[in-house]
C-alpha atoms as a PDB file:
ATOM      1  CA  UNK A   1     120.645  75.222  66.284  1.00  0.00           C
ATOM      2  CA  UNK A   2     119.286  72.833  63.754  1.00  0.00           C
ATOM      3  CA  UNK A   3     115.459  72.413  64.634  1.00  0.00           C
ATOM      4  CA  UNK A   4     113.192  69.724  62.908  1.00  0.00           C
ATOM      5  CA  UNK A   5     109.391  70.783  62.939  1.00  0.00           C
ATOM      6  CA  UNK A   6     107.368  67.902  62.349  1.00  0.00           C
ATOM      7  CA  UNK A   7     103.573  69.011  61.420  1.00  0.00           C
ATOM      8  CA  UNK A   8     104.070  70.500  58.161  1.00  0.00           C
ATOM      9  CA  UNK A   9     102.554  73.262  57.502  1.00  0.00           C
ATOM     10  CA  UNK A  10      99.288  73.124  60.382  1.00  0.00           C
ATOM     11  CA  UNK A  11      98.251  75.389  63.154  1.00  0.00           C
ATOM     12  CA  UNK A  12     100.955  74.917  65.518  1.00  0.00           C
ATOM     13  CA  UNK A  13     103.570  74.052  62.971  1.00  0.00           C
ATOM     14  CA  UNK A  14     102.984  77.911  60.616  1.00  0.00           C
ATOM     15  CA  UNK A  15     103.387  79.436  63.212  1.00  0.00           C
ATOM     16  CA  UNK A  16     106.436  78.141  65.138  1.00  0.00           C
ATOM     17  CA  UNK A  17     108.290  77.673  61.733  1.00  0.00           C
ATOM     18  CA  UNK A  18     107.944  81.513  61.253  1.00  0.00           C
ATOM     19  CA  UNK A  19     109.273  81.776  64.586  1.00  0.00           C
ATOM     20  CA  UNK A  20     112.155  80.233  64.773  1.00  0.00           C
ATOM     21  CA  UNK A  21     113.025  81.496  61.193  1.00  0.00           C
ATOM     22  CA  UNK A  22     112.970  84.132  63.214  1.00  0.00           C
ATOM     23  CA  UNK A  23     115.335  83.433  65.590  1.00  0.00           C
ATOM     24  CA  UNK A  24     117.737  82.553  63.080  1.00  0.00           C
ATOM     25  CA  UNK A  25     117.663  79.130  63.808  1.00  0.00           C
ATOM     26  CA  UNK A  26     117.914  76.560  60.605  1.00  0.00           C
ATOM     27  CA  UNK A  27     114.102  74.660  60.142  1.00  0.00           C
ATOM     28  CA  UNK A  28     113.475  71.751  58.406  1.00  0.00           C
ATOM     29  CA  UNK A  29     109.663  70.965  58.043  1.00  0.00           C
ATOM     30  CA  UNK A  30     108.542  67.951  57.603  1.00  0.00           C
ATOM     31  CA  UNK A  31     105.261  67.266  54.939  1.00  0.00           C
ATOM     32  CA  UNK A  32     103.972  64.729  53.694  1.00  0.00           C
ATOM     33  CA  UNK A  33     102.668  66.865  51.062  1.00  0.00           C
ATOM     34  CA  UNK A  34     104.961  67.201  47.734  1.00  0.00           C
ATOM     35  CA  UNK A  35     102.520  70.512  47.380  1.00  0.00           C
ATOM     36  CA  UNK A  36     103.717  72.540  50.326  1.00  0.00           C
ATOM     37  CA  UNK A  37     107.684  72.642  49.763  1.00  0.00           C
ATOM     38  CA  UNK A  38     107.230  75.969  48.381  1.00  0.00           C
ATOM     39  CA  UNK A  39     104.944  76.943  51.089  1.00  0.00           C
ATOM     40  CA  UNK A  40     107.602  75.760  53.366  1.00  0.00           C
ATOM     41  CA  UNK A  41     110.182  76.485  51.676  1.00  0.00           C
ATOM     42  CA  UNK A  42     108.940  80.685  51.113  1.00  0.00           C
ATOM     43  CA  UNK A  43     108.767  80.645  55.187  1.00  0.00           C
ATOM     44  CA  UNK A  44     112.653  80.513  54.816  1.00  0.00           C
ATOM     45  CA  UNK A  45     112.789  76.317  55.790  1.00  0.00           C
ATOM     46  CA  UNK A  46     114.075  73.559  54.169  1.00  0.00           C
ATOM     47  CA  UNK A  47     111.292  70.693  53.056  1.00  0.00           C
ATOM     48  CA  UNK A  48     111.331  67.419  54.222  1.00  0.00           C
ATOM     49  CA  UNK A  49     108.726  65.657  52.213  1.00  0.00           C
ATOM     50  CA  UNK A  50     108.191  61.984  53.650  1.00  0.00           C
ATOM     51  CA  UNK A  51     105.727  59.891  55.717  1.00  0.00           C
ATOM     52  CA  UNK A  52     106.656  59.626  59.509  1.00  0.00           C
ATOM     53  CA  UNK A  53     105.589  56.299  59.394  1.00  0.00           C
ATOM     54  CA  UNK A  54     108.707  56.253  57.917  1.00  0.00           C
ATOM     55  CA  UNK A  55     111.916  54.836  60.231  1.00  0.00           C
ATOM     56  CA  UNK A  56     114.237  55.508  57.321  1.00  0.00           C
ATOM     57  CA  UNK A  57     112.963  58.573  56.456  1.00  0.00           C
ATOM     58  CA  UNK A  58     112.968  60.082  59.837  1.00  0.00           C
ATOM     59  CA  UNK A  59     116.083  59.011  60.853  1.00  0.00           C
ATOM     60  CA  UNK A  60     118.170  60.550  57.642  1.00  0.00           C
ATOM     61  CA  UNK A  61     116.011  63.549  58.549  1.00  0.00           C
ATOM     62  CA  UNK A  62     117.133  63.438  62.425  1.00  0.00           C
ATOM     63  CA  UNK A  63     120.467  62.802  62.300  1.00  0.00           C
ATOM     64  CA  UNK A  64     123.015  65.600  62.841  1.00  0.00           C
ATOM     65  CA  UNK A  65     119.568  67.694  64.166  1.00  0.00           C
ATOM     66  CA  UNK A  66     119.527  69.436  67.866  1.00  0.00           C
ATOM     67  CA  UNK A  67     116.502  69.509  68.520  1.00  0.00           C
ATOM     68  CA  UNK A  68     113.109  68.242  67.278  1.00  0.00           C
ATOM     69  CA  UNK A  69     109.069  69.439  67.890  1.00  0.00           C
ATOM     70  CA  UNK A  70     106.979  66.076  67.232  1.00  0.00           C
ATOM     71  CA  UNK A  71     103.698  65.990  67.241  1.00  0.00           C
ATOM     72  CA  UNK A  72     100.597  63.290  66.019  1.00  0.00           C
ATOM     73  CA  UNK A  73      98.713  64.293  63.037  1.00  0.00           C
ATOM     74  CA  UNK A  74      95.358  63.439  63.317  1.00  0.00           C
ATOM     75  CA  UNK A  75      93.614  60.538  62.042  1.00  0.00           C
ATOM     76  CA  UNK A  76      90.536  60.134  59.890  1.00  0.00           C
ATOM     77  CA  UNK A  77      87.431  59.670  62.621  1.00  0.00           C
ATOM     78  CA  UNK A  78      85.275  58.547  60.146  1.00  0.00           C
ATOM     79  CA  UNK A  79      87.911  55.034  59.079  1.00  0.00           C
ATOM     80  CA  UNK A  80      86.191  52.332  60.844  1.00  0.00           C
ATOM     81  CA  UNK A  81      88.569  50.174  59.417  1.00  0.00           C
ATOM     82  CA  UNK A  82      91.630  51.426  61.563  1.00  0.00           C
ATOM     83  CA  UNK A  83      92.292  50.998  65.865  1.00  0.00           C
ATOM     84  CA  UNK A  84      93.066  54.571  66.633  1.00  0.00           C
ATOM     85  CA  UNK A  85      94.603  53.597  69.766  1.00  0.00           C
ATOM     86  CA  UNK A  86      97.141  50.922  68.011  1.00  0.00           C
ATOM     87  CA  UNK A  87      97.484  54.189  64.882  1.00  0.00           C
ATOM     88  CA  UNK A  88      99.161  56.810  67.706  1.00  0.00           C
ATOM     89  CA  UNK A  89     101.300  54.153  69.173  1.00  0.00           C
ATOM     90  CA  UNK A  90     102.880  52.885  65.880  1.00  0.00           C
ATOM     91  CA  UNK A  91     103.429  56.572  65.018  1.00  0.00           C
ATOM     92  CA  UNK A  92     105.753  56.722  68.783  1.00  0.00           C
ATOM     93  CA  UNK A  93     107.105  53.844  67.732  1.00  0.00           C
ATOM     94  CA  UNK A  94     108.246  54.886  64.905  1.00  0.00           C
ATOM     95  CA  UNK A  95     109.763  58.481  66.354  1.00  0.00           C
ATOM     96  CA  UNK A  96     111.420  56.326  69.718  1.00  0.00           C
ATOM     97  CA  UNK A  97     113.877  54.292  66.574  1.00  0.00           C
ATOM     98  CA  UNK A  98     114.318  57.294  64.691  1.00  0.00           C
ATOM     99  CA  UNK A  99     115.228  59.224  67.713  1.00  0.00           C
ATOM    100  CA  UNK A 100     117.590  56.157  69.115  1.00  0.00           C
ATOM    101  CA  UNK A 101     119.336  55.549  65.448  1.00  0.00           C
ATOM    102  CA  UNK A 102     120.106  59.448  64.804  1.00  0.00           C
ATOM    103  CA  UNK A 103     121.403  60.241  68.422  1.00  0.00           C
ATOM    104  CA  UNK A 104     119.224  63.114  69.024  1.00  0.00           C
ATOM    105  CA  UNK A 105     119.062  64.183  72.588  1.00  0.00           C
ATOM    106  CA  UNK A 106     116.230  67.452  72.935  1.00  0.00           C
ATOM    107  CA  UNK A 107     112.586  66.691  71.953  1.00  0.00           C
ATOM    108  CA  UNK A 108     109.601  68.628  72.695  1.00  0.00           C
ATOM    109  CA  UNK A 109     106.499  66.900  72.231  1.00  0.00           C
ATOM    110  CA  UNK A 110     103.269  68.276  71.873  1.00  0.00           C
ATOM    111  CA  UNK A 111     100.405  65.868  73.938  1.00  0.00           C
ATOM    112  CA  UNK A 112      97.241  67.299  75.755  1.00  0.00           C
ATOM    113  CA  UNK A 113      95.751  67.684  79.098  1.00  0.00           C
ATOM    114  CA  UNK A 114      95.228  64.207  79.811  1.00  0.00           C
ATOM    115  CA  UNK A 115      98.075  62.804  79.022  1.00  0.00           C
ATOM    116  CA  UNK A 116      98.808  61.663  82.390  1.00  0.00           C
ATOM    117  CA  UNK A 117      96.791  59.070  82.252  1.00  0.00           C
ATOM    118  CA  UNK A 118      94.456  56.382  80.153  1.00  0.00           C
ATOM    119  CA  UNK A 119      91.365  57.226  82.077  1.00  0.00           C
ATOM    120  CA  UNK A 120      88.829  59.252  82.266  1.00  0.00           C
ATOM    121  CA  UNK A 121      89.828  60.980  79.608  1.00  0.00           C
ATOM    122  CA  UNK A 122      87.786  59.795  76.720  1.00  0.00           C
ATOM    123  CA  UNK A 123      89.455  59.303  73.098  1.00  0.00           C
ATOM    124  CA  UNK A 124      92.233  61.378  74.749  1.00  0.00           C
ATOM    125  CA  UNK A 125      93.381  58.831  76.403  1.00  0.00           C
ATOM    126  CA  UNK A 126      95.899  57.980  73.030  1.00  0.00           C
ATOM    127  CA  UNK A 127      98.151  60.594  73.934  1.00  0.00           C
ATOM    128  CA  UNK A 128      99.207  58.938  76.938  1.00  0.00           C
ATOM    129  CA  UNK A 129     100.319  56.125  75.000  1.00  0.00           C
ATOM    130  CA  UNK A 130     102.206  57.996  72.938  1.00  0.00           C
ATOM    131  CA  UNK A 131     103.407  59.661  76.025  1.00  0.00           C
ATOM    132  CA  UNK A 132     104.547  56.248  77.671  1.00  0.00           C
ATOM    133  CA  UNK A 133     106.251  55.050  74.724  1.00  0.00           C
ATOM    134  CA  UNK A 134     108.423  57.921  74.394  1.00  0.00           C
ATOM    135  CA  UNK A 135     109.667  58.027  77.877  1.00  0.00           C
ATOM    136  CA  UNK A 136     110.949  54.011  76.765  1.00  0.00           C
ATOM    137  CA  UNK A 137     114.252  56.629  75.297  1.00  0.00           C
ATOM    138  CA  UNK A 138     116.933  56.493  76.862  1.00  0.00           C
ATOM    139  CA  UNK A 139     117.603  58.793  79.823  1.00  0.00           C
ATOM    140  CA  UNK A 140     120.495  61.524  78.202  1.00  0.00           C
ATOM    141  CA  UNK A 141     116.943  62.236  75.367  1.00  0.00           C
ATOM    142  CA  UNK A 142     115.313  65.481  77.155  1.00  0.00           C
ATOM    143  CA  UNK A 143     112.116  65.441  76.979  1.00  0.00           C
ATOM    144  CA  UNK A 144     109.787  68.494  77.623  1.00  0.00           C
ATOM    145  CA  UNK A 145     106.244  67.722  77.462  1.00  0.00           C
ATOM    146  CA  UNK A 146     103.759  69.968  76.162  1.00  0.00           C
ATOM    147  CA  UNK A 147      99.730  69.573  77.644  1.00  0.00           C
ATOM    148  CA  UNK A 148      97.691  72.000  76.576  1.00  0.00           C
ATOM    149  CA  UNK A 149      93.974  72.820  76.935  1.00  0.00           C
ATOM    150  CA  UNK A 150      91.197  72.101  74.121  1.00  0.00           C
ATOM    151  CA  UNK A 151      92.072  74.426  70.830  1.00  0.00           C
ATOM    152  CA  UNK A 152      90.287  77.554  70.297  1.00  0.00           C
ATOM    153  CA  UNK A 153      90.462  76.136  66.152  1.00  0.00           C
ATOM    154  CA  UNK A 154      88.499  73.186  67.635  1.00  0.00           C
ATOM    155  CA  UNK A 155      85.014  75.080  67.928  1.00  0.00           C
ATOM    156  CA  UNK A 156      85.401  75.714  64.274  1.00  0.00           C
ATOM    157  CA  UNK A 157      84.038  72.065  63.288  1.00  0.00           C
ATOM    158  CA  UNK A 158      80.732  73.124  65.293  1.00  0.00           C
ATOM    159  CA  UNK A 159      80.175  75.854  62.427  1.00  0.00           C
ATOM    160  CA  UNK A 160      78.116  73.420  60.162  1.00  0.00           C
ATOM    161  CA  UNK A 161      76.193  72.740  62.785  1.00  0.00           C
ATOM    162  CA  UNK A 162      75.726  76.371  64.098  1.00  0.00           C
ATOM    163  CA  UNK A 163      74.571  77.902  60.680  1.00  0.00           C
ATOM    164  CA  UNK A 164      72.584  74.779  59.918  1.00  0.00           C
ATOM    165  CA  UNK A 165      71.078  73.885  63.442  1.00  0.00           C
ATOM    166  CA  UNK A 166      71.327  77.156  65.165  1.00  0.00           C
ATOM    167  CA  UNK A 167      73.116  75.755  67.676  1.00  0.00           C
ATOM    168  CA  UNK A 168      76.284  73.934  69.669  1.00  0.00           C
ATOM    169  CA  UNK A 169      74.519  69.836  70.003  1.00  0.00           C
ATOM    170  CA  UNK A 170      77.382  68.477  72.613  1.00  0.00           C
ATOM    171  CA  UNK A 171      76.895  66.371  75.489  1.00  0.00           C
ATOM    172  CA  UNK A 172      78.786  68.741  78.175  1.00  0.00           C
ATOM    173  CA  UNK A 173      78.007  72.864  78.476  1.00  0.00           C
ATOM    174  CA  UNK A 174      80.252  74.607  81.313  1.00  0.00           C
ATOM    175  CA  UNK A 175      78.816  76.658  83.923  1.00  0.00           C
ATOM    176  CA  UNK A 176      82.077  78.066  84.468  1.00  0.00           C
ATOM    177  CA  UNK A 177      85.187  79.973  83.050  1.00  0.00           C
ATOM    178  CA  UNK A 178      87.168  76.584  81.058  1.00  0.00           C
ATOM    179  CA  UNK A 179      90.517  77.026  80.029  1.00  0.00           C
ATOM    180  CA  UNK A 180      91.241  77.247  76.302  1.00  0.00           C
ATOM    181  CA  UNK A 181      94.138  77.787  74.217  1.00  0.00           C
ATOM    182  CA  UNK A 182      95.327  79.185  71.264  1.00  0.00           C
ATOM    183  CA  UNK A 183      97.369  77.471  68.704  1.00  0.00           C
ATOM    184  CA  UNK A 184      99.555  80.270  68.760  1.00  0.00           C
ATOM    185  CA  UNK A 185     100.581  80.400  72.269  1.00  0.00           C
ATOM    186  CA  UNK A 186     101.010  76.956  71.558  1.00  0.00           C
ATOM    187  CA  UNK A 187     104.035  77.895  68.852  1.00  0.00           C
ATOM    188  CA  UNK A 188     104.848  80.073  71.214  1.00  0.00           C
ATOM    189  CA  UNK A 189     105.670  78.050  74.024  1.00  0.00           C
ATOM    190  CA  UNK A 190     107.385  75.298  71.716  1.00  0.00           C
ATOM    191  CA  UNK A 191     109.809  77.774  70.259  1.00  0.00           C
ATOM    192  CA  UNK A 192     110.394  79.036  73.844  1.00  0.00           C
ATOM    193  CA  UNK A 193     111.351  75.844  74.921  1.00  0.00           C
ATOM    194  CA  UNK A 194     112.990  74.420  71.939  1.00  0.00           C
ATOM    195  CA  UNK A 195     116.095  76.531  71.947  1.00  0.00           C
ATOM    196  CA  UNK A 196     116.229  75.910  75.654  1.00  0.00           C
ATOM    197  CA  UNK A 197     118.814  74.006  77.200  1.00  0.00           C
ATOM    198  CA  UNK A 198     117.360  71.437  79.541  1.00  0.00           C
ATOM    199  CA  UNK A 199     117.938  68.309  80.817  1.00  0.00           C
ATOM    200  CA  UNK A 200     115.902  65.411  81.975  1.00  0.00           C
ATOM    201  CA  UNK A 201     112.271  65.191  81.113  1.00  0.00           C
ATOM    202  CA  UNK A 202     109.293  67.640  81.992  1.00  0.00           C
ATOM    203  CA  UNK A 203     106.182  68.414  81.481  1.00  0.00           C
ATOM    204  CA  UNK A 204     104.454  72.058  80.327  1.00  0.00           C
ATOM    205  CA  UNK A 205     100.520  73.182  80.651  1.00  0.00           C
ATOM    206  CA  UNK A 206      99.405  75.995  78.440  1.00  0.00           C
ATOM    207  CA  UNK A 207      96.439  77.656  78.156  1.00  0.00           C
ATOM    208  CA  UNK A 208      95.360  81.050  76.903  1.00  0.00           C
ATOM    209  CA  UNK A 209      92.649  82.387  78.724  1.00  0.00           C
ATOM    210  CA  UNK A 210      89.230  80.951  80.353  1.00  0.00           C
ATOM    211  CA  UNK A 211      85.621  81.581  79.043  1.00  0.00           C
ATOM    212  CA  UNK A 212      82.514  80.004  79.818  1.00  0.00           C
ATOM    213  CA  UNK A 213      80.079  77.752  77.184  1.00  0.00           C
ATOM    214  CA  UNK A 214      77.744  80.747  76.880  1.00  0.00           C
ATOM    215  CA  UNK A 215      80.496  82.752  76.202  1.00  0.00           C
ATOM    216  CA  UNK A 216      81.862  80.690  73.115  1.00  0.00           C
ATOM    217  CA  UNK A 217      78.605  80.979  72.031  1.00  0.00           C
ATOM    218  CA  UNK A 218      78.142  84.404  71.903  1.00  0.00           C
ATOM    219  CA  UNK A 219      81.543  84.708  69.973  1.00  0.00           C
ATOM    220  CA  UNK A 220      80.756  82.160  67.379  1.00  0.00           C
ATOM    221  CA  UNK A 221      77.292  84.207  66.980  1.00  0.00           C
ATOM    222  CA  UNK A 222      78.480  87.404  66.403  1.00  0.00           C
ATOM    223  CA  UNK A 223      81.735  86.003  63.703  1.00  0.00           C
ATOM    224  CA  UNK A 224      79.108  83.773  61.640  1.00  0.00           C
ATOM    225  CA  UNK A 225      75.831  86.373  61.903  1.00  0.00           C
ATOM    226  CA  UNK A 226      73.572  83.819  63.920  1.00  0.00           C
ATOM    227  CA  UNK A 227      72.651  86.076  66.847  1.00  0.00           C
ATOM    228  CA  UNK A 228      70.077  83.484  68.229  1.00  0.00           C
ATOM    229  CA  UNK A 229      72.812  80.051  68.311  1.00  0.00           C
ATOM    230  CA  UNK A 230      72.107  78.353  71.263  1.00  0.00           C
ATOM    231  CA  UNK A 231      74.530  75.787  73.073  1.00  0.00           C
ATOM    232  CA  UNK A 232      72.494  72.419  72.990  1.00  0.00           C
ATOM    233  CA  UNK A 233      73.673  69.500  75.262  1.00  0.00           C
ATOM    234  CA  UNK A 234      72.626  66.053  75.335  1.00  0.00           C
ATOM    235  CA  UNK A 235      73.042  62.847  77.094  1.00  0.00           C
ATOM    236  CA  UNK A 236      76.290  61.013  75.872  1.00  0.00           C
ATOM    237  CA  UNK A 237      75.112  57.872  74.698  1.00  0.00           C
ATOM    238  CA  UNK A 238      71.945  59.853  72.633  1.00  0.00           C
ATOM    239  CA  UNK A 239      75.704  61.915  70.968  1.00  0.00           C
ATOM    240  CA  UNK A 240      78.007  58.578  71.062  1.00  0.00           C
ATOM    241  CA  UNK A 241      74.822  56.474  69.064  1.00  0.00           C
ATOM    242  CA  UNK A 242      74.260  59.415  66.641  1.00  0.00           C
ATOM    243  CA  UNK A 243      78.204  59.872  65.931  1.00  0.00           C
ATOM    244  CA  UNK A 244      78.414  56.104  65.213  1.00  0.00           C
ATOM    245  CA  UNK A 245      75.313  56.241  62.723  1.00  0.00           C
ATOM    246  CA  UNK A 246      76.795  58.782  61.331  1.00  0.00           C
ATOM    247  CA  UNK A 247      79.993  56.484  60.655  1.00  0.00           C
ATOM    248  CA  UNK A 248      82.671  57.246  62.993  1.00  0.00           C
ATOM    249  CA  UNK A 249      84.908  55.162  63.787  1.00  0.00           C
ATOM    250  CA  UNK A 250      83.223  53.731  67.929  1.00  0.00           C
ATOM    251  CA  UNK A 251      86.900  54.537  69.575  1.00  0.00           C
ATOM    252  CA  UNK A 252      87.118  58.492  68.102  1.00  0.00           C
ATOM    253  CA  UNK A 253      83.095  59.290  69.397  1.00  0.00           C
ATOM    254  CA  UNK A 254      84.743  57.662  73.083  1.00  0.00           C
ATOM    255  CA  UNK A 255      83.706  59.980  75.369  1.00  0.00           C
ATOM    256  CA  UNK A 256      82.245  61.854  73.739  1.00  0.00           C
END
């Protein structure tokens, strides 16, 4: 199969590319960074360097492919000049236009838990907006929507705070086990789904393990050498105010 992978060499797209190449698929990886070309080719894939907001570029790359893995790159949450939700809507509209023009019939789209609604999921509502726009594609375009739970790798964002303040400070704490997902497991699921014959629209949720906040603290404390690391909760409005004071986009801290 000829498969297109978006996401450059990110934490999901890199292992996904490796898996697909090992399967014997013809893989093209899209990246906006020309310096990634050699690394992509070293994995046995073709590199397509260009912008995910360039309809003509995407249409050209998509044309003739059997399936596409779609994801939306993260935004700079410190940029207060952009409308985060419109930013992601633009990605989705470009995808739809390029898919229509290239006549590709098989899509695997990375969304998120909470992608089914725009209520009660904070900033993650942008996944819902993208899902709704992709539904505008013709019925003959098969779409598998993947909704993983929180990534284990997101915990890495707490490392600077943990090292400097000996604490993870958030507005929540899980006393019961909650699901988390590894990017490696997500890549495994994509590699499975993208080669599977399928028609219509379906959703698949992804989780790797279930842990409590205290168990996460223990694992992180051992990894960074902070045996007294604590998980500290503060009111949501206090945390949001602090993030905004630090220069984050107000939309980016919605639901924090």
